[in-house]
Amino acid sequence: MRILLVEDDDRIASDVSKALKEAGYVVERARNGEDASFLGETDNFAAVVLDLGLPKLDGLTVLKHWRERGLHTPVLILTARGAWSERVEGIDAGADDYLPKPFQIEELLARLRSILRRAAGRGSPVVKAGRVVLDERDMTIRIDDAPVELSALEYRLVAYLMHRRGQVVPPSDLVEHVYGSDHQSSNAIQVLVARVRKKIGGDVIETRRGFGYVVPNEAR
């Protein structure tokens, strides 16, 4: 899944970006509020990790701008502002969660998983579709309780489709959330899907010709 990281501190951004990528996410970074505001409105992200103390436009203003325009992307606020009143202001502005600095990377990842689950209407880090089981905590895929070895790209593909099980996902969405800014054609997705099917079975990911791919709620 594709995450927008909005952070002007290069050291923090580097550490968080590295952790997010290791956790299987595709990361796009914005260094200031103006760029963040534009990217959030015009691009497709599963969630945003947003610092409040940003140049050009502060994070709270960016968040209010998104919510006023009907953008419902989950937002996790990161900030050095620790006062409870500021946390309340952030939540009231539309943030889904709030993490004061300094923080542990493990907690950031846990909170991010939590807001993604809530956005999808789930309460568990384990996603099931028939005999296929995805566990976000250790980034594993199991079929009939047997682990399946997947590459990073293969895992991103299966995880994104599992999170949207029952929904037909267009190839263009998969390109963004699997490859990120490394733009690929829909042919690359076709090749990746074919590779994954060899590992997890041809009936788990269905093709809806002219529309995209879907993992049914009751995958066989």
N, C-alpha and C. Protein backbone atom coordinates (compact mmCIF):
# COMPACT_ATOMS: atom_id res chain seq x y z
N MET A 1 0.83 -1.20 0.00
CA MET A 1 0.00 0.00 0.00
C MET A 1 0.87 1.26 0.00
N ARG A 2 0.33 2.30 -0.59
CA ARG A 2 1.08 3.54 -0.78
C ARG A 2 0.80 4.52 0.35
N ILE A 3 1.87 5.01 0.97
CA ILE A 3 1.77 5.92 2.11
C ILE A 3 2.42 7.25 1.77
N LEU A 4 1.76 8.35 2.11
CA LEU A 4 2.35 9.68 1.97
C LEU A 4 2.97 10.06 3.31
N LEU A 5 4.28 10.28 3.31
CA LEU A 5 5.00 10.71 4.50
C LEU A 5 5.31 12.20 4.36
N VAL A 6 4.76 13.01 5.27
CA VAL A 6 4.97 14.46 5.23
C VAL A 6 5.83 14.84 6.43
N GLU A 7 7.11 15.09 6.18
CA GLU A 7 8.08 15.35 7.25
C GLU A 7 9.23 16.17 6.68
N ASP A 8 9.54 17.31 7.31
CA ASP A 8 10.62 18.16 6.80
C ASP A 8 11.98 17.81 7.39
N ASP A 9 12.01 17.07 8.49
CA ASP A 9 13.27 16.67 9.10
C ASP A 9 13.82 15.45 8.35
N ASP A 10 14.98 15.63 7.70
CA ASP A 10 15.53 14.57 6.85
C ASP A 10 15.87 13.30 7.63
N ARG A 11 16.37 13.46 8.85
CA ARG A 11 16.75 12.28 9.63
C ARG A 11 15.52 11.46 10.01
N ILE A 12 14.50 12.15 10.52
CA ILE A 12 13.28 11.45 10.90
C ILE A 12 12.62 10.82 9.67
N ALA A 13 12.58 11.58 8.58
CA ALA A 13 11.96 11.08 7.36
C ALA A 13 12.68 9.84 6.85
N SER A 14 14.02 9.85 6.92
CA SER A 14 14.80 8.70 6.47
C SER A 14 14.50 7.47 7.31
N ASP A 15 14.46 7.64 8.63
CA ASP A 15 14.20 6.50 9.53
C ASP A 15 12.79 5.95 9.33
N VAL A 16 11.80 6.85 9.25
CA VAL A 16 10.42 6.40 9.09
C VAL A 16 10.21 5.76 7.73
N SER A 17 10.77 6.38 6.69
CA SER A 17 10.63 5.84 5.35
C SER A 17 11.23 4.44 5.25
N LYS A 18 12.40 4.25 5.84
CA LYS A 18 13.06 2.95 5.82
C LYS A 18 12.18 1.90 6.51
N ALA A 19 11.63 2.26 7.67
CA ALA A 19 10.79 1.33 8.42
C ALA A 19 9.51 0.99 7.65
N LEU A 20 8.92 1.99 7.02
CA LEU A 20 7.70 1.75 6.25
C LEU A 20 7.96 0.82 5.08
N LYS A 21 9.07 1.05 4.39
CA LYS A 21 9.40 0.19 3.25
C LYS A 21 9.68 -1.24 3.69
N GLU A 22 10.37 -1.38 4.82
CA GLU A 22 10.64 -2.72 5.35
C GLU A 22 9.35 -3.41 5.78
N ALA A 23 8.33 -2.62 6.13
CA ALA A 23 7.04 -3.19 6.52
C ALA A 23 6.13 -3.45 5.32
N GLY A 24 6.65 -3.23 4.12
CA GLY A 24 5.90 -3.59 2.92
C GLY A 24 5.13 -2.47 2.27
N TYR A 25 5.34 -1.22 2.73
CA TYR A 25 4.62 -0.10 2.14
C TYR A 25 5.44 0.57 1.04
N VAL A 26 4.75 1.23 0.12
CA VAL A 26 5.38 2.11 -0.86
C VAL A 26 5.28 3.52 -0.30
N VAL A 27 6.39 4.25 -0.28
CA VAL A 27 6.43 5.55 0.40
C VAL A 27 6.71 6.69 -0.57
N GLU A 28 5.88 7.73 -0.47
CA GLU A 28 6.11 8.99 -1.18
C GLU A 28 6.30 10.06 -0.12
N ARG A 29 7.34 10.91 -0.25
CA ARG A 29 7.60 11.91 0.77
C ARG A 29 7.31 13.31 0.27
N ALA A 30 6.72 14.14 1.15
CA ALA A 30 6.58 15.57 0.91
C ALA A 30 7.34 16.29 2.02
N ARG A 31 8.06 17.36 1.67
CA ARG A 31 8.91 18.06 2.64
C ARG A 31 8.26 19.33 3.19
N ASN A 32 7.17 19.77 2.60
CA ASN A 32 6.51 20.98 3.10
C ASN A 32 5.00 20.86 2.93
N GLY A 33 4.27 21.77 3.58
CA GLY A 33 2.83 21.69 3.60
C GLY A 33 2.17 21.91 2.25
N GLU A 34 2.75 22.78 1.43
CA GLU A 34 2.15 23.05 0.12
C GLU A 34 2.21 21.81 -0.76
N ASP A 35 3.37 21.14 -0.80
CA ASP A 35 3.49 19.92 -1.60
C ASP A 35 2.57 18.83 -1.06
N ALA A 36 2.50 18.73 0.27
CA ALA A 36 1.64 17.71 0.88
C ALA A 36 0.18 17.93 0.51
N SER A 37 -0.27 19.19 0.60
CA SER A 37 -1.65 19.51 0.28
C SER A 37 -1.99 19.11 -1.14
N PHE A 38 -1.09 19.42 -2.06
CA PHE A 38 -1.31 19.09 -3.48
C PHE A 38 -1.32 17.57 -3.70
N LEU A 39 -0.32 16.87 -3.15
CA LEU A 39 -0.24 15.43 -3.36
C LEU A 39 -1.44 14.71 -2.76
N GLY A 40 -1.84 15.12 -1.56
CA GLY A 40 -2.96 14.47 -0.91
C GLY A 40 -4.25 14.59 -1.70
N GLU A 41 -4.42 15.70 -2.40
CA GLU A 41 -5.64 15.92 -3.18
C GLU A 41 -5.61 15.26 -4.54
N THR A 42 -4.42 15.15 -5.12
CA THR A 42 -4.35 14.73 -6.52
C THR A 42 -3.85 13.31 -6.71
N ASP A 43 -3.34 12.67 -5.65
CA ASP A 43 -2.78 11.34 -5.80
C ASP A 43 -3.54 10.35 -4.93
N ASN A 44 -3.21 9.08 -5.09
CA ASN A 44 -3.94 7.99 -4.44
C ASN A 44 -3.08 7.35 -3.36
N PHE A 45 -3.43 7.59 -2.08
CA PHE A 45 -2.68 7.03 -0.96
C PHE A 45 -3.62 6.25 -0.04
N ALA A 46 -3.07 5.20 0.57
CA ALA A 46 -3.85 4.42 1.53
C ALA A 46 -3.93 5.15 2.86
N ALA A 47 -2.87 5.92 3.20
CA ALA A 47 -2.84 6.66 4.47
C ALA A 47 -1.76 7.73 4.39
N VAL A 48 -1.82 8.68 5.34
CA VAL A 48 -0.83 9.76 5.41
C VAL A 48 -0.23 9.80 6.81
N VAL A 49 1.10 9.91 6.89
CA VAL A 49 1.79 10.19 8.14
C VAL A 49 2.21 11.66 8.06
N LEU A 50 1.61 12.51 8.91
CA LEU A 50 1.69 13.96 8.74
C LEU A 50 2.31 14.64 9.95
N ASP A 51 3.43 15.34 9.72
CA ASP A 51 4.02 16.20 10.76
C ASP A 51 3.25 17.52 10.79
N LEU A 52 3.15 18.12 11.97
CA LEU A 52 2.43 19.40 12.07
C LEU A 52 3.33 20.60 11.81
N GLY A 53 4.60 20.54 12.27
CA GLY A 53 5.50 21.68 12.12
C GLY A 53 6.20 21.67 10.78
N LEU A 54 5.51 22.16 9.76
CA LEU A 54 6.02 22.12 8.39
C LEU A 54 6.27 23.52 7.85
N PRO A 55 7.25 23.66 6.95
CA PRO A 55 7.43 24.95 6.26
C PRO A 55 6.32 25.20 5.24
N LYS A 56 6.12 26.47 4.91
CA LYS A 56 5.18 26.95 3.89
C LYS A 56 3.72 26.86 4.33
N LEU A 57 3.32 25.72 4.88
CA LEU A 57 1.95 25.54 5.32
C LEU A 57 1.96 24.50 6.44
N ASP A 58 1.43 24.85 7.62
CA ASP A 58 1.54 23.91 8.74
C ASP A 58 0.60 22.72 8.54
N GLY A 59 0.94 21.61 9.20
CA GLY A 59 0.22 20.36 9.00
C GLY A 59 -1.24 20.42 9.36
N LEU A 60 -1.59 21.17 10.40
CA LEU A 60 -2.99 21.28 10.80
C LEU A 60 -3.82 21.95 9.72
N THR A 61 -3.26 22.98 9.10
CA THR A 61 -3.95 23.66 7.99
C THR A 61 -4.13 22.72 6.82
N VAL A 62 -3.09 21.93 6.53
CA VAL A 62 -3.16 20.94 5.44
C VAL A 62 -4.29 19.95 5.72
N LEU A 63 -4.34 19.44 6.94
CA LEU A 63 -5.36 18.46 7.30
C LEU A 63 -6.77 19.04 7.17
N LYS A 64 -6.96 20.25 7.68
CA LYS A 64 -8.27 20.90 7.58
C LYS A 64 -8.66 21.10 6.11
N HIS A 65 -7.69 21.48 5.30
CA HIS A 65 -7.91 21.68 3.86
C HIS A 65 -8.41 20.38 3.22
N TRP A 66 -7.75 19.25 3.53
CA TRP A 66 -8.17 17.96 2.98
C TRP A 66 -9.58 17.61 3.40
N ARG A 67 -9.86 17.73 4.70
CA ARG A 67 -11.18 17.32 5.20
C ARG A 67 -12.29 18.22 4.65
N GLU A 68 -12.01 19.51 4.49
CA GLU A 68 -13.01 20.41 3.93
C GLU A 68 -13.36 20.04 2.49
N ARG A 69 -12.41 19.43 1.80
CA ARG A 69 -12.63 19.04 0.41
C ARG A 69 -13.09 17.58 0.27
N GLY A 70 -13.41 16.97 1.41
CA GLY A 70 -13.99 15.64 1.37
C GLY A 70 -13.00 14.50 1.24
N LEU A 71 -11.72 14.76 1.51
CA LEU A 71 -10.71 13.71 1.43
C LEU A 71 -10.73 12.90 2.72
N HIS A 72 -11.00 11.60 2.61
CA HIS A 72 -11.17 10.76 3.79
C HIS A 72 -9.98 9.84 4.06
N THR A 73 -8.87 10.06 3.40
CA THR A 73 -7.68 9.24 3.63
C THR A 73 -7.29 9.27 5.10
N PRO A 74 -7.03 8.09 5.72
CA PRO A 74 -6.62 8.07 7.13
C PRO A 74 -5.32 8.86 7.35
N VAL A 75 -5.28 9.63 8.45
CA VAL A 75 -4.11 10.47 8.74
C VAL A 75 -3.61 10.19 10.15
N LEU A 76 -2.31 9.88 10.25
CA LEU A 76 -1.62 9.75 11.54
C LEU A 76 -0.72 10.96 11.71
N ILE A 77 -0.97 11.75 12.74
CA ILE A 77 -0.18 12.96 12.99
C ILE A 77 1.06 12.62 13.80
N LEU A 78 2.21 13.16 13.36
CA LEU A 78 3.46 13.11 14.12
C LEU A 78 3.82 14.54 14.48
N THR A 79 4.13 14.78 15.75
CA THR A 79 4.47 16.16 16.10
C THR A 79 5.24 16.22 17.41
N ALA A 80 6.04 17.27 17.54
CA ALA A 80 6.75 17.53 18.79
C ALA A 80 5.86 18.28 19.77
N ARG A 81 4.69 18.70 19.32
CA ARG A 81 3.75 19.41 20.18
C ARG A 81 3.02 18.40 21.06
N GLY A 82 3.30 18.44 22.35
CA GLY A 82 2.77 17.40 23.22
C GLY A 82 1.59 17.80 24.07
N ALA A 83 1.18 19.07 24.05
CA ALA A 83 0.08 19.53 24.90
C ALA A 83 -1.21 18.84 24.52
N TRP A 84 -2.00 18.46 25.52
CA TRP A 84 -3.25 17.75 25.25
C TRP A 84 -4.20 18.58 24.40
N SER A 85 -4.17 19.90 24.59
CA SER A 85 -5.08 20.77 23.83
C SER A 85 -4.76 20.72 22.34
N GLU A 86 -3.47 20.61 22.00
CA GLU A 86 -3.07 20.53 20.60
C GLU A 86 -3.44 19.18 20.01
N ARG A 87 -3.37 18.12 20.84
CA ARG A 87 -3.77 16.80 20.37
C ARG A 87 -5.27 16.79 20.08
N VAL A 88 -6.04 17.42 20.96
CA VAL A 88 -7.49 17.51 20.74
C VAL A 88 -7.79 18.28 19.46
N GLU A 89 -7.05 19.36 19.24
CA GLU A 89 -7.25 20.17 18.04
C GLU A 89 -6.98 19.35 16.79
N GLY A 90 -5.93 18.52 16.83
CA GLY A 90 -5.60 17.68 15.69
C GLY A 90 -6.68 16.64 15.42
N ILE A 91 -7.16 15.99 16.47
CA ILE A 91 -8.22 14.99 16.31
C ILE A 91 -9.49 15.65 15.79
N ASP A 92 -9.83 16.82 16.36
CA ASP A 92 -11.04 17.52 15.92
C ASP A 92 -10.93 18.00 14.48
N ALA A 93 -9.72 18.22 14.00
CA ALA A 93 -9.52 18.66 12.62
C ALA A 93 -9.66 17.51 11.64
N GLY A 94 -9.72 16.27 12.16
CA GLY A 94 -9.93 15.13 11.27
C GLY A 94 -8.83 14.09 11.29
N ALA A 95 -7.86 14.20 12.21
CA ALA A 95 -6.82 13.18 12.31
C ALA A 95 -7.41 11.88 12.85
N ASP A 96 -6.87 10.76 12.41
CA ASP A 96 -7.33 9.46 12.88
C ASP A 96 -6.55 8.98 14.10
N ASP A 97 -5.34 9.48 14.27
CA ASP A 97 -4.54 9.15 15.44
C ASP A 97 -3.43 10.18 15.57
N TYR A 98 -2.73 10.15 16.71
CA TYR A 98 -1.79 11.21 17.06
C TYR A 98 -0.63 10.58 17.81
N LEU A 99 0.60 10.82 17.35
CA LEU A 99 1.79 10.24 17.98
C LEU A 99 2.82 11.33 18.24
N PRO A 100 3.04 11.70 19.53
CA PRO A 100 4.02 12.74 19.84
C PRO A 100 5.45 12.26 19.63
N LYS A 101 6.33 13.20 19.26
CA LYS A 101 7.76 12.92 19.17
C LYS A 101 8.39 13.15 20.55
N PRO A 102 9.44 12.40 20.89
CA PRO A 102 10.00 11.26 20.14
C PRO A 102 9.11 10.03 20.27
N PHE A 103 9.22 9.12 19.31
CA PHE A 103 8.38 7.93 19.30
C PHE A 103 9.21 6.72 18.90
N GLN A 104 8.68 5.55 19.18
CA GLN A 104 9.30 4.31 18.74
C GLN A 104 8.70 3.92 17.39
N ILE A 105 9.57 3.49 16.48
CA ILE A 105 9.11 3.11 15.15
C ILE A 105 8.05 2.01 15.22
N GLU A 106 8.23 1.08 16.16
CA GLU A 106 7.28 -0.03 16.29
C GLU A 106 5.87 0.48 16.61
N GLU A 107 5.81 1.54 17.45
CA GLU A 107 4.50 2.09 17.79
C GLU A 107 3.90 2.80 16.58
N LEU A 108 4.72 3.52 15.83
CA LEU A 108 4.22 4.17 14.62
C LEU A 108 3.61 3.15 13.67
N LEU A 109 4.31 2.04 13.45
CA LEU A 109 3.81 1.02 12.53
C LEU A 109 2.51 0.41 13.05
N ALA A 110 2.45 0.18 14.36
CA ALA A 110 1.23 -0.39 14.94
C ALA A 110 0.05 0.57 14.79
N ARG A 111 0.29 1.85 15.04
CA ARG A 111 -0.79 2.84 14.91
C ARG A 111 -1.22 3.00 13.45
N LEU A 112 -0.26 2.93 12.53
CA LEU A 112 -0.59 3.02 11.11
C LEU A 112 -1.44 1.82 10.69
N ARG A 113 -1.05 0.63 11.12
CA ARG A 113 -1.86 -0.55 10.80
C ARG A 113 -3.27 -0.40 11.36
N SER A 114 -3.37 0.19 12.55
CA SER A 114 -4.67 0.36 13.20
C SER A 114 -5.58 1.29 12.41
N ILE A 115 -5.06 2.44 11.97
CA ILE A 115 -5.94 3.36 11.23
C ILE A 115 -6.30 2.80 9.85
N LEU A 116 -5.42 2.01 9.27
CA LEU A 116 -5.74 1.36 7.99
C LEU A 116 -6.84 0.32 8.19
N ARG A 117 -6.77 -0.42 9.30
CA ARG A 117 -7.82 -1.40 9.58
C ARG A 117 -9.16 -0.72 9.80
N ARG A 118 -9.15 0.36 10.58
CA ARG A 118 -10.40 1.07 10.86
C ARG A 118 -11.00 1.62 9.57
N ALA A 119 -10.14 2.14 8.69
CA ALA A 119 -10.63 2.68 7.42
C ALA A 119 -11.27 1.59 6.57
N ALA A 120 -10.78 0.37 6.72
CA ALA A 120 -11.33 -0.75 5.95
C ALA A 120 -12.48 -1.44 6.68
N GLY A 121 -12.83 -0.93 7.88
CA GLY A 121 -13.91 -1.52 8.64
C GLY A 121 -13.54 -2.81 9.32
N ARG A 122 -12.24 -2.96 9.65
CA ARG A 122 -11.77 -4.18 10.31
C ARG A 122 -11.21 -3.85 11.68
N GLY A 123 -11.18 -4.85 12.56
CA GLY A 123 -10.61 -4.66 13.88
C GLY A 123 -9.40 -5.52 14.14
N SER A 124 -9.09 -6.42 13.22
CA SER A 124 -8.01 -7.39 13.44
C SER A 124 -6.88 -7.18 12.43
N PRO A 125 -5.62 -7.43 12.83
CA PRO A 125 -4.50 -7.36 11.89
C PRO A 125 -4.44 -8.57 10.96
N VAL A 126 -5.32 -9.54 11.18
CA VAL A 126 -5.36 -10.73 10.34
C VAL A 126 -6.52 -10.60 9.36
N VAL A 127 -6.21 -10.72 8.07
CA VAL A 127 -7.21 -10.60 7.01
C VAL A 127 -7.41 -11.97 6.39
N LYS A 128 -8.65 -12.40 6.28
CA LYS A 128 -8.94 -13.73 5.72
C LYS A 128 -9.85 -13.61 4.51
N ALA A 129 -9.56 -14.42 3.52
CA ALA A 129 -10.43 -14.56 2.36
C ALA A 129 -10.43 -16.03 1.99
N GLY A 130 -11.45 -16.74 2.47
CA GLY A 130 -11.46 -18.18 2.26
C GLY A 130 -10.31 -18.84 2.98
N ARG A 131 -9.51 -19.58 2.26
CA ARG A 131 -8.39 -20.30 2.87
C ARG A 131 -7.10 -19.49 2.89
N VAL A 132 -7.16 -18.25 2.41
CA VAL A 132 -5.98 -17.38 2.38
C VAL A 132 -5.98 -16.48 3.62
N VAL A 133 -4.85 -16.41 4.31
CA VAL A 133 -4.75 -15.61 5.53
C VAL A 133 -3.54 -14.69 5.44
N LEU A 134 -3.76 -13.38 5.63
CA LEU A 134 -2.70 -12.38 5.66
C LEU A 134 -2.57 -11.88 7.09
N ASP A 135 -1.35 -11.91 7.62
CA ASP A 135 -1.08 -11.36 8.96
C ASP A 135 -0.16 -10.15 8.80
N GLU A 136 -0.70 -8.96 9.04
CA GLU A 136 0.07 -7.72 8.85
C GLU A 136 1.22 -7.60 9.82
N ARG A 137 1.11 -8.22 10.99
CA ARG A 137 2.12 -8.03 12.03
C ARG A 137 3.48 -8.59 11.61
N ASP A 138 3.49 -9.73 10.94
CA ASP A 138 4.77 -10.30 10.50
C ASP A 138 4.86 -10.42 8.98
N MET A 139 3.91 -9.77 8.27
CA MET A 139 3.92 -9.73 6.80
C MET A 139 3.98 -11.14 6.20
N THR A 140 3.09 -12.00 6.65
CA THR A 140 3.06 -13.36 6.14
C THR A 140 1.74 -13.66 5.44
N ILE A 141 1.82 -14.54 4.46
CA ILE A 141 0.66 -15.06 3.76
C ILE A 141 0.66 -16.57 3.97
N ARG A 142 -0.49 -17.10 4.39
CA ARG A 142 -0.62 -18.53 4.59
C ARG A 142 -1.85 -19.03 3.85
N ILE A 143 -1.72 -20.22 3.29
CA ILE A 143 -2.85 -20.88 2.64
C ILE A 143 -3.00 -22.25 3.27
N ASP A 144 -4.19 -22.52 3.80
CA ASP A 144 -4.42 -23.77 4.52
C ASP A 144 -3.36 -23.96 5.60
N ASP A 145 -3.01 -22.85 6.26
CA ASP A 145 -2.05 -22.83 7.38
C ASP A 145 -0.61 -23.10 6.96
N ALA A 146 -0.34 -23.14 5.66
CA ALA A 146 1.03 -23.34 5.17
C ALA A 146 1.58 -21.99 4.69
N PRO A 147 2.78 -21.58 5.15
CA PRO A 147 3.33 -20.29 4.73
C PRO A 147 3.70 -20.29 3.25
N VAL A 148 3.54 -19.14 2.62
CA VAL A 148 3.88 -18.96 1.21
C VAL A 148 5.00 -17.94 1.11
N GLU A 149 6.08 -18.29 0.45
CA GLU A 149 7.22 -17.37 0.28
C GLU A 149 6.95 -16.43 -0.89
N LEU A 150 6.88 -15.13 -0.59
CA LEU A 150 6.63 -14.13 -1.61
C LEU A 150 7.72 -13.06 -1.60
N SER A 151 8.01 -12.51 -2.76
CA SER A 151 8.92 -11.36 -2.82
C SER A 151 8.19 -10.13 -2.30
N ALA A 152 8.92 -9.01 -2.13
CA ALA A 152 8.30 -7.78 -1.62
C ALA A 152 7.18 -7.30 -2.55
N LEU A 153 7.41 -7.34 -3.86
CA LEU A 153 6.39 -6.91 -4.81
C LEU A 153 5.18 -7.83 -4.78
N GLU A 154 5.45 -9.13 -4.70
CA GLU A 154 4.35 -10.10 -4.65
C GLU A 154 3.51 -9.91 -3.39
N TYR A 155 4.18 -9.66 -2.26
CA TYR A 155 3.46 -9.44 -1.01
C TYR A 155 2.59 -8.19 -1.11
N ARG A 156 3.14 -7.10 -1.65
CA ARG A 156 2.36 -5.87 -1.78
C ARG A 156 1.10 -6.11 -2.62
N LEU A 157 1.25 -6.85 -3.70
CA LEU A 157 0.11 -7.13 -4.56
C LEU A 157 -0.98 -7.89 -3.81
N VAL A 158 -0.59 -9.00 -3.16
CA VAL A 158 -1.57 -9.81 -2.44
C VAL A 158 -2.19 -9.02 -1.28
N ALA A 159 -1.35 -8.29 -0.54
CA ALA A 159 -1.85 -7.53 0.61
C ALA A 159 -2.86 -6.48 0.17
N TYR A 160 -2.58 -5.77 -0.91
CA TYR A 160 -3.49 -4.72 -1.36
C TYR A 160 -4.82 -5.31 -1.80
N LEU A 161 -4.77 -6.41 -2.54
CA LEU A 161 -6.01 -7.06 -2.98
C LEU A 161 -6.77 -7.67 -1.81
N MET A 162 -6.04 -8.21 -0.83
CA MET A 162 -6.70 -8.77 0.35
C MET A 162 -7.42 -7.68 1.15
N HIS A 163 -6.78 -6.52 1.28
CA HIS A 163 -7.40 -5.41 2.01
C HIS A 163 -8.67 -4.94 1.31
N ARG A 164 -8.74 -5.16 0.02
CA ARG A 164 -9.91 -4.74 -0.75
C ARG A 164 -10.66 -5.95 -1.30
N ARG A 165 -10.62 -7.03 -0.54
CA ARG A 165 -11.27 -8.26 -0.99
C ARG A 165 -12.75 -8.00 -1.27
N GLY A 166 -13.20 -8.62 -2.34
CA GLY A 166 -14.57 -8.40 -2.78
C GLY A 166 -14.73 -7.21 -3.70
N GLN A 167 -13.69 -6.38 -3.84
CA GLN A 167 -13.72 -5.21 -4.71
C GLN A 167 -12.83 -5.45 -5.92
N VAL A 168 -13.28 -5.07 -7.08
CA VAL A 168 -12.45 -5.16 -8.28
C VAL A 168 -11.49 -3.98 -8.31
N VAL A 169 -10.19 -4.27 -8.37
CA VAL A 169 -9.16 -3.22 -8.32
C VAL A 169 -8.57 -3.05 -9.72
N PRO A 170 -8.65 -1.84 -10.30
CA PRO A 170 -8.09 -1.60 -11.63
C PRO A 170 -6.56 -1.77 -11.64
N PRO A 171 -6.00 -2.20 -12.77
CA PRO A 171 -4.54 -2.33 -12.87
C PRO A 171 -3.80 -1.04 -12.53
N SER A 172 -4.40 0.13 -12.88
CA SER A 172 -3.73 1.41 -12.59
C SER A 172 -3.55 1.62 -11.10
N ASP A 173 -4.54 1.21 -10.28
CA ASP A 173 -4.41 1.31 -8.82
C ASP A 173 -3.31 0.39 -8.31
N LEU A 174 -3.25 -0.81 -8.86
CA LEU A 174 -2.22 -1.76 -8.44
C LEU A 174 -0.83 -1.26 -8.78
N VAL A 175 -0.68 -0.63 -9.95
CA VAL A 175 0.62 -0.07 -10.33
C VAL A 175 1.07 0.93 -9.28
N GLU A 176 0.18 1.83 -8.85
CA GLU A 176 0.54 2.85 -7.87
C GLU A 176 0.90 2.26 -6.51
N HIS A 177 0.12 1.29 -6.06
CA HIS A 177 0.29 0.78 -4.69
C HIS A 177 1.32 -0.34 -4.60
N VAL A 178 1.71 -0.92 -5.73
CA VAL A 178 2.75 -1.95 -5.72
C VAL A 178 4.11 -1.39 -6.12
N TYR A 179 4.11 -0.53 -7.14
CA TYR A 179 5.38 0.00 -7.65
C TYR A 179 5.66 1.43 -7.22
N GLY A 180 4.64 2.18 -6.79
CA GLY A 180 4.85 3.55 -6.36
C GLY A 180 5.29 4.44 -7.50
N SER A 181 6.33 5.26 -7.25
CA SER A 181 6.79 6.21 -8.26
C SER A 181 7.58 5.54 -9.37
N ASP A 182 7.91 4.25 -9.21
CA ASP A 182 8.59 3.50 -10.26
C ASP A 182 7.54 3.05 -11.26
N HIS A 183 7.14 3.98 -12.14
CA HIS A 183 5.98 3.76 -13.00
C HIS A 183 6.16 2.56 -13.90
N GLN A 184 5.16 1.71 -13.89
CA GLN A 184 5.15 0.52 -14.72
C GLN A 184 3.84 0.48 -15.51
N SER A 185 3.82 -0.34 -16.54
CA SER A 185 2.60 -0.49 -17.32
C SER A 185 1.73 -1.57 -16.70
N SER A 186 0.49 -1.66 -17.18
CA SER A 186 -0.40 -2.71 -16.70
C SER A 186 0.12 -4.09 -17.07
N ASN A 187 0.98 -4.15 -18.08
CA ASN A 187 1.59 -5.44 -18.44
C ASN A 187 2.45 -5.98 -17.31
N ALA A 188 3.11 -5.06 -16.57
CA ALA A 188 3.93 -5.49 -15.43
C ALA A 188 3.05 -6.13 -14.36
N ILE A 189 1.85 -5.60 -14.16
CA ILE A 189 0.91 -6.18 -13.19
C ILE A 189 0.46 -7.55 -13.66
N GLN A 190 0.20 -7.70 -14.95
CA GLN A 190 -0.20 -9.00 -15.49
C GLN A 190 0.85 -10.06 -15.22
N VAL A 191 2.11 -9.69 -15.44
CA VAL A 191 3.21 -10.62 -15.21
C VAL A 191 3.31 -10.96 -13.72
N LEU A 192 3.16 -9.93 -12.87
CA LEU A 192 3.24 -10.14 -11.42
C LEU A 192 2.11 -11.03 -10.92
N VAL A 193 0.90 -10.78 -11.40
CA VAL A 193 -0.25 -11.62 -11.01
C VAL A 193 -0.02 -13.07 -11.43
N ALA A 194 0.49 -13.27 -12.64
CA ALA A 194 0.75 -14.63 -13.11
C ALA A 194 1.76 -15.33 -12.21
N ARG A 195 2.78 -14.58 -11.78
CA ARG A 195 3.81 -15.15 -10.90
C ARG A 195 3.23 -15.53 -9.54
N VAL A 196 2.37 -14.65 -9.02
CA VAL A 196 1.76 -14.92 -7.72
C VAL A 196 0.83 -16.13 -7.79
N ARG A 197 0.09 -16.23 -8.88
CA ARG A 197 -0.85 -17.36 -9.02
C ARG A 197 -0.13 -18.71 -8.98
N LYS A 198 1.08 -18.73 -9.50
CA LYS A 198 1.84 -19.98 -9.45
C LYS A 198 2.17 -20.39 -8.03
N LYS A 199 2.24 -19.39 -7.13
CA LYS A 199 2.61 -19.67 -5.74
C LYS A 199 1.41 -19.91 -4.84
N ILE A 200 0.30 -19.21 -5.11
CA ILE A 200 -0.84 -19.32 -4.19
C ILE A 200 -2.05 -19.99 -4.82
N GLY A 201 -1.93 -20.34 -6.09
CA GLY A 201 -3.06 -20.98 -6.77
C GLY A 201 -3.76 -20.02 -7.70
N GLY A 202 -4.24 -20.54 -8.82
CA GLY A 202 -4.84 -19.69 -9.84
C GLY A 202 -6.23 -19.20 -9.51
N ASP A 203 -6.85 -19.73 -8.46
CA ASP A 203 -8.23 -19.36 -8.16
C ASP A 203 -8.36 -18.30 -7.06
N VAL A 204 -7.24 -17.86 -6.49
CA VAL A 204 -7.31 -16.88 -5.39
C VAL A 204 -7.52 -15.48 -5.93
N ILE A 205 -6.79 -15.11 -6.97
CA ILE A 205 -6.95 -13.80 -7.61
C ILE A 205 -7.71 -14.00 -8.92
N GLU A 206 -8.89 -13.43 -9.02
CA GLU A 206 -9.70 -13.56 -10.22
C GLU A 206 -9.51 -12.34 -11.12
N THR A 207 -9.57 -12.56 -12.43
CA THR A 207 -9.50 -11.48 -13.40
C THR A 207 -10.90 -11.11 -13.87
N ARG A 208 -11.23 -9.85 -13.82
CA ARG A 208 -12.47 -9.35 -14.40
C ARG A 208 -12.07 -8.55 -15.64
N ARG A 209 -12.18 -9.18 -16.76
CA ARG A 209 -11.64 -8.60 -18.00
C ARG A 209 -12.23 -7.22 -18.28
N GLY A 210 -11.33 -6.29 -18.58
CA GLY A 210 -11.73 -4.92 -18.85
C GLY A 210 -11.88 -4.07 -17.60
N PHE A 211 -11.78 -4.71 -16.40
CA PHE A 211 -11.97 -3.97 -15.16
C PHE A 211 -10.78 -4.09 -14.21
N GLY A 212 -10.27 -5.30 -13.97
CA GLY A 212 -9.14 -5.46 -13.06
C GLY A 212 -9.12 -6.82 -12.39
N TYR A 213 -8.68 -6.82 -11.12
CA TYR A 213 -8.48 -8.07 -10.39
C TYR A 213 -9.21 -8.00 -9.05
N VAL A 214 -9.59 -9.18 -8.55
CA VAL A 214 -10.31 -9.22 -7.28
C VAL A 214 -9.98 -10.51 -6.53
N VAL A 215 -9.81 -10.38 -5.22
CA VAL A 215 -9.79 -11.54 -4.32
C VAL A 215 -11.21 -11.63 -3.74
N PRO A 216 -11.98 -12.64 -4.08
CA PRO A 216 -13.35 -12.74 -3.56
C PRO A 216 -13.36 -12.90 -2.04
N ASN A 217 -14.43 -12.46 -1.42
CA ASN A 217 -14.55 -12.61 0.03
C ASN A 217 -14.41 -14.05 0.47
N GLU A 218 -14.90 -14.95 -0.35
CA GLU A 218 -14.81 -16.38 -0.05
C GLU A 218 -13.91 -17.05 -1.07
N ALA A 219 -12.64 -16.60 -1.10
CA ALA A 219 -11.68 -17.18 -2.05
C ALA A 219 -11.61 -18.69 -1.82
N ARG A 220 -11.59 -19.41 -2.92
CA ARG A 220 -11.61 -20.87 -2.82
C ARG A 220 -10.26 -21.42 -2.40
